[in-house]
Every structure is written in structure tokens, then in C-alpha cells.
mmCIF file of all heavy atoms, coordinates in Angstrom:
data_MODEL
# 
_entry.id   MODEL 
# 
loop_
_atom_site.group_PDB 
_atom_site.id 
_atom_site.type_symbol 
_atom_site.label_atom_id 
_atom_site.label_alt_id 
_atom_site.label_comp_id 
_atom_site.label_asym_id 
_atom_site.label_entity_id 
_atom_site.label_seq_id 
_atom_site.pdbx_PDB_ins_code 
_atom_site.Cartn_x 
_atom_site.Cartn_y 
_atom_site.Cartn_z 
_atom_site.occupancy 
_atom_site.B_iso_or_equiv 
_atom_site.pdbx_formal_charge 
_atom_site.auth_seq_id 
_atom_site.auth_comp_id 
_atom_site.auth_asym_id 
_atom_site.auth_atom_id 
_atom_site.pdbx_PDB_model_num 
ATOM 1   N N   . TYR A 1 1  ? 57.415 -234.485 -86.347  1.00 0.00 ? 1  TYR A N   1 
ATOM 2   C CA  . TYR A 1 1  ? 56.389 -235.496 -86.580  1.00 0.00 ? 1  TYR A CA  1 
ATOM 3   C C   . TYR A 1 1  ? 55.007 -234.852 -86.568  1.00 0.00 ? 1  TYR A C   1 
ATOM 4   O O   . TYR A 1 1  ? 54.777 -233.834 -85.922  1.00 0.00 ? 1  TYR A O   1 
ATOM 5   C CB  . TYR A 1 1  ? 56.480 -236.622 -85.543  1.00 0.00 ? 1  TYR A CB  1 
ATOM 6   C CG  . TYR A 1 1  ? 56.284 -236.189 -84.102  1.00 0.00 ? 1  TYR A CG  1 
ATOM 7   C CD1 . TYR A 1 1  ? 55.029 -236.243 -83.490  1.00 0.00 ? 1  TYR A CD1 1 
ATOM 8   C CD2 . TYR A 1 1  ? 57.362 -235.746 -83.334  1.00 0.00 ? 1  TYR A CD2 1 
ATOM 9   C CE1 . TYR A 1 1  ? 54.863 -235.860 -82.165  1.00 0.00 ? 1  TYR A CE1 1 
ATOM 10  C CE2 . TYR A 1 1  ? 57.210 -235.368 -82.023  1.00 0.00 ? 1  TYR A CE2 1 
ATOM 11  C CZ  . TYR A 1 1  ? 55.944 -235.425 -81.437  1.00 0.00 ? 1  TYR A CZ  1 
ATOM 12  O OH  . TYR A 1 1  ? 55.775 -235.050 -80.132  1.00 0.00 ? 1  TYR A OH  1 
ATOM 13  N N   . TRP A 1 2  ? 54.088 -235.474 -87.300  1.00 0.00 ? 2  TRP A N   1 
ATOM 14  C CA  . TRP A 1 2  ? 52.721 -234.952 -87.398  1.00 0.00 ? 2  TRP A CA  1 
ATOM 15  C C   . TRP A 1 2  ? 51.969 -235.071 -86.081  1.00 0.00 ? 2  TRP A C   1 
ATOM 16  O O   . TRP A 1 2  ? 52.090 -236.078 -85.366  1.00 0.00 ? 2  TRP A O   1 
ATOM 17  C CB  . TRP A 1 2  ? 51.937 -235.739 -88.449  1.00 0.00 ? 2  TRP A CB  1 
ATOM 18  C CG  . TRP A 1 2  ? 52.301 -235.491 -89.877  1.00 0.00 ? 2  TRP A CG  1 
ATOM 19  C CD1 . TRP A 1 2  ? 52.943 -236.355 -90.726  1.00 0.00 ? 2  TRP A CD1 1 
ATOM 20  C CD2 . TRP A 1 2  ? 52.031 -234.306 -90.639  1.00 0.00 ? 2  TRP A CD2 1 
ATOM 21  N NE1 . TRP A 1 2  ? 53.093 -235.784 -91.955  1.00 0.00 ? 2  TRP A NE1 1 
ATOM 22  C CE2 . TRP A 1 2  ? 52.545 -234.527 -91.943  1.00 0.00 ? 2  TRP A CE2 1 
ATOM 23  C CE3 . TRP A 1 2  ? 51.424 -233.086 -90.354  1.00 0.00 ? 2  TRP A CE3 1 
ATOM 24  C CZ2 . TRP A 1 2  ? 52.458 -233.577 -92.954  1.00 0.00 ? 2  TRP A CZ2 1 
ATOM 25  C CZ3 . TRP A 1 2  ? 51.334 -232.140 -91.365  1.00 0.00 ? 2  TRP A CZ3 1 
ATOM 26  C CH2 . TRP A 1 2  ? 51.833 -232.376 -92.639  1.00 0.00 ? 2  TRP A CH2 1 
ATOM 27  N N   . LEU A 1 3  ? 51.164 -234.058 -85.761  1.00 0.00 ? 3  LEU A N   1 
ATOM 28  C CA  . LEU A 1 3  ? 50.166 -234.146 -84.710  1.00 0.00 ? 3  LEU A CA  1 
ATOM 29  C C   . LEU A 1 3  ? 48.804 -234.386 -85.361  1.00 0.00 ? 3  LEU A C   1 
ATOM 30  O O   . LEU A 1 3  ? 48.649 -234.261 -86.579  1.00 0.00 ? 3  LEU A O   1 
ATOM 31  C CB  . LEU A 1 3  ? 50.157 -232.872 -83.871  1.00 0.00 ? 3  LEU A CB  1 
ATOM 32  C CG  . LEU A 1 3  ? 51.467 -232.588 -83.124  1.00 0.00 ? 3  LEU A CG  1 
ATOM 33  C CD1 . LEU A 1 3  ? 51.376 -231.268 -82.378  1.00 0.00 ? 3  LEU A CD1 1 
ATOM 34  C CD2 . LEU A 1 3  ? 51.804 -233.709 -82.155  1.00 0.00 ? 3  LEU A CD2 1 
ATOM 35  N N   . LEU A 1 4  ? 47.814 -234.719 -84.557  1.00 0.00 ? 4  LEU A N   1 
ATOM 36  C CA  . LEU A 1 4  ? 46.527 -235.110 -85.118  1.00 0.00 ? 4  LEU A CA  1 
ATOM 37  C C   . LEU A 1 4  ? 45.713 -233.932 -85.639  1.00 0.00 ? 4  LEU A C   1 
ATOM 38  O O   . LEU A 1 4  ? 45.043 -234.025 -86.672  1.00 0.00 ? 4  LEU A O   1 
ATOM 39  C CB  . LEU A 1 4  ? 45.728 -235.880 -84.056  1.00 0.00 ? 4  LEU A CB  1 
ATOM 40  C CG  . LEU A 1 4  ? 44.433 -236.537 -84.501  1.00 0.00 ? 4  LEU A CG  1 
ATOM 41  C CD1 . LEU A 1 4  ? 44.219 -237.844 -83.783  1.00 0.00 ? 4  LEU A CD1 1 
ATOM 42  C CD2 . LEU A 1 4  ? 43.232 -235.633 -84.275  1.00 0.00 ? 4  LEU A CD2 1 
ATOM 43  N N   . ASN A 1 5  ? 45.769 -232.812 -84.960  1.00 0.00 ? 5  ASN A N   1 
ATOM 44  C CA  . ASN A 1 5  ? 44.865 -231.706 -85.263  1.00 0.00 ? 5  ASN A CA  1 
ATOM 45  C C   . ASN A 1 5  ? 45.243 -230.973 -86.544  1.00 0.00 ? 5  ASN A C   1 
ATOM 46  O O   . ASN A 1 5  ? 46.416 -230.743 -86.815  1.00 0.00 ? 5  ASN A O   1 
ATOM 47  C CB  . ASN A 1 5  ? 44.851 -230.707 -84.101  1.00 0.00 ? 5  ASN A CB  1 
ATOM 48  C CG  . ASN A 1 5  ? 44.668 -231.381 -82.764  1.00 0.00 ? 5  ASN A CG  1 
ATOM 49  O OD1 . ASN A 1 5  ? 45.637 -231.898 -82.220  1.00 0.00 ? 5  ASN A OD1 1 
ATOM 50  N ND2 . ASN A 1 5  ? 43.466 -231.380 -82.249  1.00 0.00 ? 5  ASN A ND2 1 
ATOM 51  N N   . VAL A 1 6  ? 44.234 -230.594 -87.293  1.00 0.00 ? 6  VAL A N   1 
ATOM 52  C CA  . VAL A 1 6  ? 44.463 -229.786 -88.490  1.00 0.00 ? 6  VAL A CA  1 
ATOM 53  C C   . VAL A 1 6  ? 44.393 -228.312 -88.119  1.00 0.00 ? 6  VAL A C   1 
ATOM 54  O O   . VAL A 1 6  ? 43.809 -227.927 -87.108  1.00 0.00 ? 6  VAL A O   1 
ATOM 55  C CB  . VAL A 1 6  ? 43.428 -230.105 -89.592  1.00 0.00 ? 6  VAL A CB  1 
ATOM 56  C CG1 . VAL A 1 6  ? 43.542 -231.553 -90.030  1.00 0.00 ? 6  VAL A CG1 1 
ATOM 57  C CG2 . VAL A 1 6  ? 42.016 -229.775 -89.131  1.00 0.00 ? 6  VAL A CG2 1 
ATOM 58  N N   . LYS A 1 7  ? 44.981 -227.499 -88.977  1.00 0.00 ? 7  LYS A N   1 
ATOM 59  C CA  . LYS A 1 7  ? 44.853 -226.051 -88.849  1.00 0.00 ? 7  LYS A CA  1 
ATOM 60  C C   . LYS A 1 7  ? 43.668 -225.560 -89.686  1.00 0.00 ? 7  LYS A C   1 
ATOM 61  O O   . LYS A 1 7  ? 42.857 -224.751 -89.246  1.00 0.00 ? 7  LYS A O   1 
ATOM 62  C CB  . LYS A 1 7  ? 46.132 -225.362 -89.312  1.00 0.00 ? 7  LYS A CB  1 
ATOM 63  C CG  . LYS A 1 7  ? 46.049 -223.836 -89.322  1.00 0.00 ? 7  LYS A CG  1 
ATOM 64  C CD  . LYS A 1 7  ? 47.303 -223.245 -89.932  1.00 0.00 ? 7  LYS A CD  1 
ATOM 65  C CE  . LYS A 1 7  ? 47.194 -221.730 -90.067  1.00 0.00 ? 7  LYS A CE  1 
ATOM 66  N NZ  . LYS A 1 7  ? 48.367 -221.152 -90.760  1.00 0.00 ? 7  LYS A NZ  1 
ATOM 67  N N   . ASP A 1 8  ? 43.585 -226.086 -90.895  1.00 0.00 ? 8  ASP A N   1 
ATOM 68  C CA  . ASP A 1 8  ? 42.482 -225.760 -91.797  1.00 0.00 ? 8  ASP A CA  1 
ATOM 69  C C   . ASP A 1 8  ? 42.428 -226.858 -92.855  1.00 0.00 ? 8  ASP A C   1 
ATOM 70  O O   . ASP A 1 8  ? 43.021 -227.933 -92.671  1.00 0.00 ? 8  ASP A O   1 
ATOM 71  C CB  . ASP A 1 8  ? 42.684 -224.377 -92.441  1.00 0.00 ? 8  ASP A CB  1 
ATOM 72  C CG  . ASP A 1 8  ? 44.075 -224.207 -93.039  1.00 0.00 ? 8  ASP A CG  1 
ATOM 73  O OD1 . ASP A 1 8  ? 44.571 -225.178 -93.666  1.00 0.00 ? 8  ASP A OD1 1 
ATOM 74  O OD2 . ASP A 1 8  ? 44.673 -223.140 -92.858  1.00 0.00 ? 8  ASP A OD2 1 
ATOM 75  N N   . ASN A 1 9  ? 41.743 -226.616 -93.959  1.00 0.00 ? 9  ASN A N   1 
ATOM 76  C CA  . ASN A 1 9  ? 41.584 -227.643 -94.995  1.00 0.00 ? 9  ASN A CA  1 
ATOM 77  C C   . ASN A 1 9  ? 42.898 -228.010 -95.681  1.00 0.00 ? 9  ASN A C   1 
ATOM 78  O O   . ASN A 1 9  ? 42.989 -229.049 -96.326  1.00 0.00 ? 9  ASN A O   1 
ATOM 79  C CB  . ASN A 1 9  ? 40.593 -227.167 -96.061  1.00 0.00 ? 9  ASN A CB  1 
ATOM 80  C CG  . ASN A 1 9  ? 39.163 -227.208 -95.541  1.00 0.00 ? 9  ASN A CG  1 
ATOM 81  O OD1 . ASN A 1 9  ? 38.920 -227.631 -94.421  1.00 0.00 ? 9  ASN A OD1 1 
ATOM 82  N ND2 . ASN A 1 9  ? 38.229 -226.766 -96.350  1.00 0.00 ? 9  ASN A ND2 1 
ATOM 83  N N   . GLU A 1 10 ? 43.921 -227.174 -95.554  1.00 0.00 ? 10 GLU A N   1 
ATOM 84  C CA  . GLU A 1 10 ? 45.151 -227.399 -96.305  1.00 0.00 ? 10 GLU A CA  1 
ATOM 85  C C   . GLU A 1 10 ? 46.365 -227.697 -95.438  1.00 0.00 ? 10 GLU A C   1 
ATOM 86  O O   . GLU A 1 10 ? 47.404 -228.088 -95.965  1.00 0.00 ? 10 GLU A O   1 
ATOM 87  C CB  . GLU A 1 10 ? 45.453 -226.167 -97.176  1.00 0.00 ? 10 GLU A CB  1 
ATOM 88  C CG  . GLU A 1 10 ? 44.382 -225.876 -98.218  1.00 0.00 ? 10 GLU A CG  1 
ATOM 89  C CD  . GLU A 1 10 ? 44.721 -224.661 -99.059  1.00 0.00 ? 10 GLU A CD  1 
ATOM 90  O OE1 . GLU A 1 10 ? 45.726 -223.986 -98.728  1.00 0.00 ? 10 GLU A OE1 1 
ATOM 91  O OE2 . GLU A 1 10 ? 43.988 -224.395 -100.016 1.00 0.00 ? 10 GLU A OE2 1 
ATOM 92  N N   . ALA A 1 11 ? 46.255 -227.521 -94.135  1.00 0.00 ? 11 ALA A N   1 
ATOM 93  C CA  . ALA A 1 11 ? 47.435 -227.656 -93.280  1.00 0.00 ? 11 ALA A CA  1 
ATOM 94  C C   . ALA A 1 11 ? 47.105 -228.374 -91.980  1.00 0.00 ? 11 ALA A C   1 
ATOM 95  O O   . ALA A 1 11 ? 45.956 -228.353 -91.511  1.00 0.00 ? 11 ALA A O   1 
ATOM 96  C CB  . ALA A 1 11 ? 48.035 -226.281 -92.976  1.00 0.00 ? 11 ALA A CB  1 
ATOM 97  N N   . ALA A 1 12 ? 48.114 -229.029 -91.411  1.00 0.00 ? 12 ALA A N   1 
ATOM 98  C CA  . ALA A 1 12 ? 47.976 -229.689 -90.119  1.00 0.00 ? 12 ALA A CA  1 
ATOM 99  C C   . ALA A 1 12 ? 49.187 -229.331 -89.256  1.00 0.00 ? 12 ALA A C   1 
ATOM 100 O O   . ALA A 1 12 ? 50.199 -228.831 -89.749  1.00 0.00 ? 12 ALA A O   1 
ATOM 101 C CB  . ALA A 1 12 ? 47.885 -231.202 -90.309  1.00 0.00 ? 12 ALA A CB  1 
ATOM 102 N N   . TRP A 1 13 ? 49.073 -229.608 -87.954  1.00 0.00 ? 13 TRP A N   1 
ATOM 103 C CA  . TRP A 1 13 ? 50.111 -229.196 -87.003  1.00 0.00 ? 13 TRP A CA  1 
ATOM 104 C C   . TRP A 1 13 ? 51.196 -230.253 -86.856  1.00 0.00 ? 13 TRP A C   1 
ATOM 105 O O   . TRP A 1 13 ? 50.947 -231.461 -86.950  1.00 0.00 ? 13 TRP A O   1 
ATOM 106 C CB  . TRP A 1 13 ? 49.488 -228.882 -85.640  1.00 0.00 ? 13 TRP A CB  1 
ATOM 107 C CG  . TRP A 1 13 ? 48.607 -227.679 -85.696  1.00 0.00 ? 13 TRP A CG  1 
ATOM 108 C CD1 . TRP A 1 13 ? 47.241 -227.663 -85.726  1.00 0.00 ? 13 TRP A CD1 1 
ATOM 109 C CD2 . TRP A 1 13 ? 49.027 -226.311 -85.783  1.00 0.00 ? 13 TRP A CD2 1 
ATOM 110 N NE1 . TRP A 1 13 ? 46.778 -226.365 -85.821  1.00 0.00 ? 13 TRP A NE1 1 
ATOM 111 C CE2 . TRP A 1 13 ? 47.849 -225.518 -85.854  1.00 0.00 ? 13 TRP A CE2 1 
ATOM 112 C CE3 . TRP A 1 13 ? 50.264 -225.679 -85.805  1.00 0.00 ? 13 TRP A CE3 1 
ATOM 113 C CZ2 . TRP A 1 13 ? 47.889 -224.128 -85.936  1.00 0.00 ? 13 TRP A CZ2 1 
ATOM 114 C CZ3 . TRP A 1 13 ? 50.312 -224.295 -85.890  1.00 0.00 ? 13 TRP A CZ3 1 
ATOM 115 C CH2 . TRP A 1 13 ? 49.131 -223.531 -85.952  1.00 0.00 ? 13 TRP A CH2 1 
ATOM 116 N N   . VAL A 1 14 ? 52.402 -229.770 -86.591  1.00 0.00 ? 14 VAL A N   1 
ATOM 117 C CA  . VAL A 1 14 ? 53.585 -230.608 -86.485  1.00 0.00 ? 14 VAL A CA  1 
ATOM 118 C C   . VAL A 1 14 ? 54.367 -230.194 -85.253  1.00 0.00 ? 14 VAL A C   1 
ATOM 119 O O   . VAL A 1 14 ? 54.444 -229.002 -84.925  1.00 0.00 ? 14 VAL A O   1 
ATOM 120 C CB  . VAL A 1 14 ? 54.470 -230.445 -87.751  1.00 0.00 ? 14 VAL A CB  1 
ATOM 121 C CG1 . VAL A 1 14 ? 55.818 -231.114 -87.567  1.00 0.00 ? 14 VAL A CG1 1 
ATOM 122 C CG2 . VAL A 1 14 ? 53.755 -230.987 -88.975  1.00 0.00 ? 14 VAL A CG2 1 
ATOM 123 N N   . ASN A 1 15 ? 54.922 -231.175 -84.546  1.00 0.00 ? 15 ASN A N   1 
ATOM 124 C CA  . ASN A 1 15 ? 55.870 -230.863 -83.477  1.00 0.00 ? 15 ASN A CA  1 
ATOM 125 C C   . ASN A 1 15 ? 57.219 -230.584 -84.105  1.00 0.00 ? 15 ASN A C   1 
ATOM 126 O O   . ASN A 1 15 ? 57.785 -231.428 -84.789  1.00 0.00 ? 15 ASN A O   1 
ATOM 127 C CB  . ASN A 1 15 ? 55.980 -232.043 -82.508  1.00 0.00 ? 15 ASN A CB  1 
ATOM 128 C CG  . ASN A 1 15 ? 56.921 -231.748 -81.369  1.00 0.00 ? 15 ASN A CG  1 
ATOM 129 O OD1 . ASN A 1 15 ? 58.125 -231.710 -81.542  1.00 0.00 ? 15 ASN A OD1 1 
ATOM 130 N ND2 . ASN A 1 15 ? 56.370 -231.530 -80.197  1.00 0.00 ? 15 ASN A ND2 1 
ATOM 131 N N   . ARG A 1 16 ? 57.713 -229.393 -83.888  1.00 0.00 ? 16 ARG A N   1 
ATOM 132 C CA  . ARG A 1 16 ? 58.931 -228.911 -84.565  1.00 0.00 ? 16 ARG A CA  1 
ATOM 133 C C   . ARG A 1 16 ? 60.150 -229.133 -83.680  1.00 0.00 ? 16 ARG A C   1 
ATOM 134 O O   . ARG A 1 16 ? 60.706 -228.200 -83.115  1.00 0.00 ? 16 ARG A O   1 
ATOM 135 C CB  . ARG A 1 16 ? 58.755 -227.443 -84.933  1.00 0.00 ? 16 ARG A CB  1 
ATOM 136 C CG  . ARG A 1 16 ? 59.950 -226.775 -85.606  1.00 0.00 ? 16 ARG A CG  1 
ATOM 137 C CD  . ARG A 1 16 ? 60.375 -227.489 -86.900  1.00 0.00 ? 16 ARG A CD  1 
ATOM 138 N NE  . ARG A 1 16 ? 61.402 -226.746 -87.610  1.00 0.00 ? 16 ARG A NE  1 
ATOM 139 C CZ  . ARG A 1 16 ? 62.697 -226.850 -87.362  1.00 0.00 ? 16 ARG A CZ  1 
ATOM 140 N NH1 . ARG A 1 16 ? 63.126 -227.652 -86.402  1.00 0.00 ? 16 ARG A NH1 1 
ATOM 141 N NH2 . ARG A 1 16 ? 63.572 -226.145 -88.065  1.00 0.00 ? 16 ARG A NH2 1 
ATOM 142 N N   . ASN A 1 17 ? 60.560 -230.400 -83.524  1.00 0.00 ? 17 ASN A N   1 
ATOM 143 C CA  . ASN A 1 17 ? 61.749 -230.729 -82.737  1.00 0.00 ? 17 ASN A CA  1 
ATOM 144 C C   . ASN A 1 17 ? 61.684 -230.062 -81.356  1.00 0.00 ? 17 ASN A C   1 
ATOM 145 O O   . ASN A 1 17 ? 60.634 -229.871 -80.771  1.00 0.00 ? 17 ASN A O   1 
ATOM 146 C CB  . ASN A 1 17 ? 63.026 -230.300 -83.466  1.00 0.00 ? 17 ASN A CB  1 
ATOM 147 C CG  . ASN A 1 17 ? 63.177 -230.991 -84.808  1.00 0.00 ? 17 ASN A CG  1 
ATOM 148 O OD1 . ASN A 1 17 ? 62.291 -231.713 -85.235  1.00 0.00 ? 17 ASN A OD1 1 
ATOM 149 N ND2 . ASN A 1 17 ? 64.280 -230.776 -85.463  1.00 0.00 ? 17 ASN A ND2 1 
ATOM 150 N N   . ASP A 1 18 ? 62.812 -229.685 -80.810  1.00 0.00 ? 18 ASP A N   1 
ATOM 151 C CA  . ASP A 1 18 ? 62.835 -228.992 -79.530  1.00 0.00 ? 18 ASP A CA  1 
ATOM 152 C C   . ASP A 1 18 ? 63.208 -227.523 -79.722  1.00 0.00 ? 18 ASP A C   1 
ATOM 153 O O   . ASP A 1 18 ? 63.692 -226.865 -78.818  1.00 0.00 ? 18 ASP A O   1 
ATOM 154 C CB  . ASP A 1 18 ? 63.815 -229.663 -78.564  1.00 0.00 ? 18 ASP A CB  1 
ATOM 155 C CG  . ASP A 1 18 ? 65.218 -229.768 -79.157  1.00 0.00 ? 18 ASP A CG  1 
ATOM 156 O OD1 . ASP A 1 18 ? 65.398 -229.316 -80.302  1.00 0.00 ? 18 ASP A OD1 1 
ATOM 157 O OD2 . ASP A 1 18 ? 66.106 -230.304 -78.482  1.00 0.00 ? 18 ASP A OD2 1 
ATOM 158 N N   . PHE A 1 19 ? 62.984 -227.034 -80.909  1.00 0.00 ? 19 PHE A N   1 
ATOM 159 C CA  . PHE A 1 19 ? 63.345 -225.642 -81.208  1.00 0.00 ? 19 PHE A CA  1 
ATOM 160 C C   . PHE A 1 19 ? 62.201 -224.712 -80.831  1.00 0.00 ? 19 PHE A C   1 
ATOM 161 O O   . PHE A 1 19 ? 61.054 -224.926 -81.236  1.00 0.00 ? 19 PHE A O   1 
ATOM 162 C CB  . PHE A 1 19 ? 63.669 -225.498 -82.696  1.00 0.00 ? 19 PHE A CB  1 
ATOM 163 C CG  . PHE A 1 19 ? 64.188 -224.138 -83.071  1.00 0.00 ? 19 PHE A CG  1 
ATOM 164 C CD1 . PHE A 1 19 ? 65.520 -223.802 -82.844  1.00 0.00 ? 19 PHE A CD1 1 
ATOM 165 C CD2 . PHE A 1 19 ? 63.366 -223.188 -83.637  1.00 0.00 ? 19 PHE A CD2 1 
ATOM 166 C CE1 . PHE A 1 19 ? 66.012 -222.554 -83.182  1.00 0.00 ? 19 PHE A CE1 1 
ATOM 167 C CE2 . PHE A 1 19 ? 63.843 -221.940 -83.984  1.00 0.00 ? 19 PHE A CE2 1 
ATOM 168 C CZ  . PHE A 1 19 ? 65.173 -221.628 -83.749  1.00 0.00 ? 19 PHE A CZ  1 
ATOM 169 N N   . ILE A 1 20 ? 62.458 -223.696 -80.042  1.00 0.00 ? 20 ILE A N   1 
ATOM 170 C CA  . ILE A 1 20 ? 61.433 -222.752 -79.605  1.00 0.00 ? 20 ILE A CA  1 
ATOM 171 C C   . ILE A 1 20 ? 61.483 -221.505 -80.485  1.00 0.00 ? 20 ILE A C   1 
ATOM 172 O O   . ILE A 1 20 ? 62.512 -220.847 -80.598  1.00 0.00 ? 20 ILE A O   1 
ATOM 173 C CB  . ILE A 1 20 ? 61.639 -222.341 -78.132  1.00 0.00 ? 20 ILE A CB  1 
ATOM 174 C CG1 . ILE A 1 20 ? 61.634 -223.582 -77.242  1.00 0.00 ? 20 ILE A CG1 1 
ATOM 175 C CG2 . ILE A 1 20 ? 60.575 -221.359 -77.699  1.00 0.00 ? 20 ILE A CG2 1 
ATOM 176 C CD1 . ILE A 1 20 ? 60.348 -224.368 -77.287  1.00 0.00 ? 20 ILE A CD1 1 
ATOM 177 N N   . PHE A 1 21 ? 60.357 -221.211 -81.116  1.00 0.00 ? 21 PHE A N   1 
ATOM 178 C CA  . PHE A 1 21 ? 60.297 -220.052 -82.000  1.00 0.00 ? 21 PHE A CA  1 
ATOM 179 C C   . PHE A 1 21 ? 59.972 -218.783 -81.209  1.00 0.00 ? 21 PHE A C   1 
ATOM 180 O O   . PHE A 1 21 ? 59.637 -218.830 -80.023  1.00 0.00 ? 21 PHE A O   1 
ATOM 181 C CB  . PHE A 1 21 ? 59.257 -220.299 -83.092  1.00 0.00 ? 21 PHE A CB  1 
ATOM 182 C CG  . PHE A 1 21 ? 59.725 -221.307 -84.111  1.00 0.00 ? 21 PHE A CG  1 
ATOM 183 C CD1 . PHE A 1 21 ? 59.610 -222.661 -83.860  1.00 0.00 ? 21 PHE A CD1 1 
ATOM 184 C CD2 . PHE A 1 21 ? 60.313 -220.904 -85.290  1.00 0.00 ? 21 PHE A CD2 1 
ATOM 185 C CE1 . PHE A 1 21 ? 60.052 -223.596 -84.776  1.00 0.00 ? 21 PHE A CE1 1 
ATOM 186 C CE2 . PHE A 1 21 ? 60.765 -221.829 -86.211  1.00 0.00 ? 21 PHE A CE2 1 
ATOM 187 C CZ  . PHE A 1 21 ? 60.627 -223.170 -85.962  1.00 0.00 ? 21 PHE A CZ  1 
ATOM 188 N N   . SER A 1 22 ? 60.007 -217.659 -81.902  1.00 0.00 ? 22 SER A N   1 
ATOM 189 C CA  . SER A 1 22 ? 59.816 -216.367 -81.244  1.00 0.00 ? 22 SER A CA  1 
ATOM 190 C C   . SER A 1 22 ? 58.435 -216.231 -80.622  1.00 0.00 ? 22 SER A C   1 
ATOM 191 O O   . SER A 1 22 ? 58.246 -215.451 -79.695  1.00 0.00 ? 22 SER A O   1 
ATOM 192 C CB  . SER A 1 22 ? 60.046 -215.233 -82.247  1.00 0.00 ? 22 SER A CB  1 
ATOM 193 O OG  . SER A 1 22 ? 59.166 -215.352 -83.351  1.00 0.00 ? 22 SER A OG  1 
ATOM 194 N N   . ASP A 1 23 ? 57.454 -216.997 -81.108  1.00 0.00 ? 23 ASP A N   1 
ATOM 195 C CA  . ASP A 1 23 ? 56.120 -216.901 -80.521  1.00 0.00 ? 23 ASP A CA  1 
ATOM 196 C C   . ASP A 1 23 ? 55.962 -217.824 -79.312  1.00 0.00 ? 23 ASP A C   1 
ATOM 197 O O   . ASP A 1 23 ? 54.874 -217.939 -78.741  1.00 0.00 ? 23 ASP A O   1 
ATOM 198 C CB  . ASP A 1 23 ? 55.039 -217.218 -81.562  1.00 0.00 ? 23 ASP A CB  1 
ATOM 199 C CG  . ASP A 1 23 ? 55.189 -218.613 -82.156  1.00 0.00 ? 23 ASP A CG  1 
ATOM 200 O OD1 . ASP A 1 23 ? 56.130 -219.317 -81.762  1.00 0.00 ? 23 ASP A OD1 1 
ATOM 201 O OD2 . ASP A 1 23 ? 54.361 -218.988 -82.996  1.00 0.00 ? 23 ASP A OD2 1 
ATOM 202 N N   . GLY A 1 24 ? 57.038 -218.501 -78.924  1.00 0.00 ? 24 GLY A N   1 
ATOM 203 C CA  . GLY A 1 24 ? 57.015 -219.306 -77.710  1.00 0.00 ? 24 GLY A CA  1 
ATOM 204 C C   . GLY A 1 24 ? 56.377 -220.663 -77.854  1.00 0.00 ? 24 GLY A C   1 
ATOM 205 O O   . GLY A 1 24 ? 55.974 -221.259 -76.860  1.00 0.00 ? 24 GLY A O   1 
ATOM 206 N N   . THR A 1 25 ? 56.268 -221.193 -79.061  1.00 0.00 ? 25 THR A N   1 
ATOM 207 C CA  . THR A 1 25 ? 55.635 -222.494 -79.225  1.00 0.00 ? 25 THR A CA  1 
ATOM 208 C C   . THR A 1 25 ? 56.544 -223.453 -79.968  1.00 0.00 ? 25 THR A C   1 
ATOM 209 O O   . THR A 1 25 ? 57.421 -223.042 -80.720  1.00 0.00 ? 25 THR A O   1 
ATOM 210 C CB  . THR A 1 25 ? 54.310 -222.365 -80.002  1.00 0.00 ? 25 THR A CB  1 
ATOM 211 O OG1 . THR A 1 25 ? 53.739 -223.662 -80.145  1.00 0.00 ? 25 THR A OG1 1 
ATOM 212 C CG2 . THR A 1 25 ? 54.539 -221.781 -81.389  1.00 0.00 ? 25 THR A CG2 1 
ATOM 213 N N   . ASN A 1 26 ? 56.347 -224.738 -79.743  1.00 0.00 ? 26 ASN A N   1 
ATOM 214 C CA  . ASN A 1 26 ? 57.090 -225.777 -80.447  1.00 0.00 ? 26 ASN A CA  1 
ATOM 215 C C   . ASN A 1 26 ? 56.366 -226.249 -81.689  1.00 0.00 ? 26 ASN A C   1 
ATOM 216 O O   . ASN A 1 26 ? 56.856 -227.148 -82.375  1.00 0.00 ? 26 ASN A O   1 
ATOM 217 C CB  . ASN A 1 26 ? 57.290 -227.001 -79.532  1.00 0.00 ? 26 ASN A CB  1 
ATOM 218 C CG  . ASN A 1 26 ? 58.123 -226.687 -78.325  1.00 0.00 ? 26 ASN A CG  1 
ATOM 219 O OD1 . ASN A 1 26 ? 57.653 -226.066 -77.383  1.00 0.00 ? 26 ASN A OD1 1 
ATOM 220 N ND2 . ASN A 1 26 ? 59.369 -227.131 -78.335  1.00 0.00 ? 26 ASN A ND2 1 
ATOM 221 N N   . LEU A 1 27 ? 55.199 -225.711 -81.965  1.00 0.00 ? 27 LEU A N   1 
ATOM 222 C CA  . LEU A 1 27 ? 54.342 -226.248 -83.008  1.00 0.00 ? 27 LEU A CA  1 
ATOM 223 C C   . LEU A 1 27 ? 54.323 -225.359 -84.245  1.00 0.00 ? 27 LEU A C   1 
ATOM 224 O O   . LEU A 1 27 ? 54.290 -224.134 -84.141  1.00 0.00 ? 27 LEU A O   1 
ATOM 225 C CB  . LEU A 1 27 ? 52.918 -226.419 -82.468  1.00 0.00 ? 27 LEU A CB  1 
ATOM 226 C CG  . LEU A 1 27 ? 52.814 -227.160 -81.125  1.00 0.00 ? 27 LEU A CG  1 
ATOM 227 C CD1 . LEU A 1 27 ? 51.373 -227.234 -80.681  1.00 0.00 ? 27 LEU A CD1 1 
ATOM 228 C CD2 . LEU A 1 27 ? 53.420 -228.547 -81.232  1.00 0.00 ? 27 LEU A CD2 1 
ATOM 229 N N   . LEU A 1 28 ? 54.330 -226.005 -85.403  1.00 0.00 ? 28 LEU A N   1 
ATOM 230 C CA  . LEU A 1 28 ? 54.214 -225.317 -86.672  1.00 0.00 ? 28 LEU A CA  1 
ATOM 231 C C   . LEU A 1 28 ? 53.143 -226.002 -87.502  1.00 0.00 ? 28 LEU A C   1 
ATOM 232 O O   . LEU A 1 28 ? 52.853 -227.185 -87.301  1.00 0.00 ? 28 LEU A O   1 
ATOM 233 C CB  . LEU A 1 28 ? 55.534 -225.352 -87.452  1.00 0.00 ? 28 LEU A CB  1 
ATOM 234 C CG  . LEU A 1 28 ? 56.691 -224.512 -86.940  1.00 0.00 ? 28 LEU A CG  1 
ATOM 235 C CD1 . LEU A 1 28 ? 57.913 -224.771 -87.809  1.00 0.00 ? 28 LEU A CD1 1 
ATOM 236 C CD2 . LEU A 1 28 ? 56.331 -223.038 -86.973  1.00 0.00 ? 28 LEU A CD2 1 
# 
């Protein structure tokens, strides 16, 4: 699901299920 904050003019942050990536974050 979408989060409120943007990354830049073209992208915004998303909560990526409960999957933990190699960088240790749930956000993409």
C-alpha cells in the first residue's frame, strides 16, 4: 500500500508487505 511521502518528482514510497530486503527495510 502507498505511504504518504514521495521519494522525488516521479516516485513515492510503498510498504512492501512483510518482506525484509537485503538493506533491512520494508519500504520500496
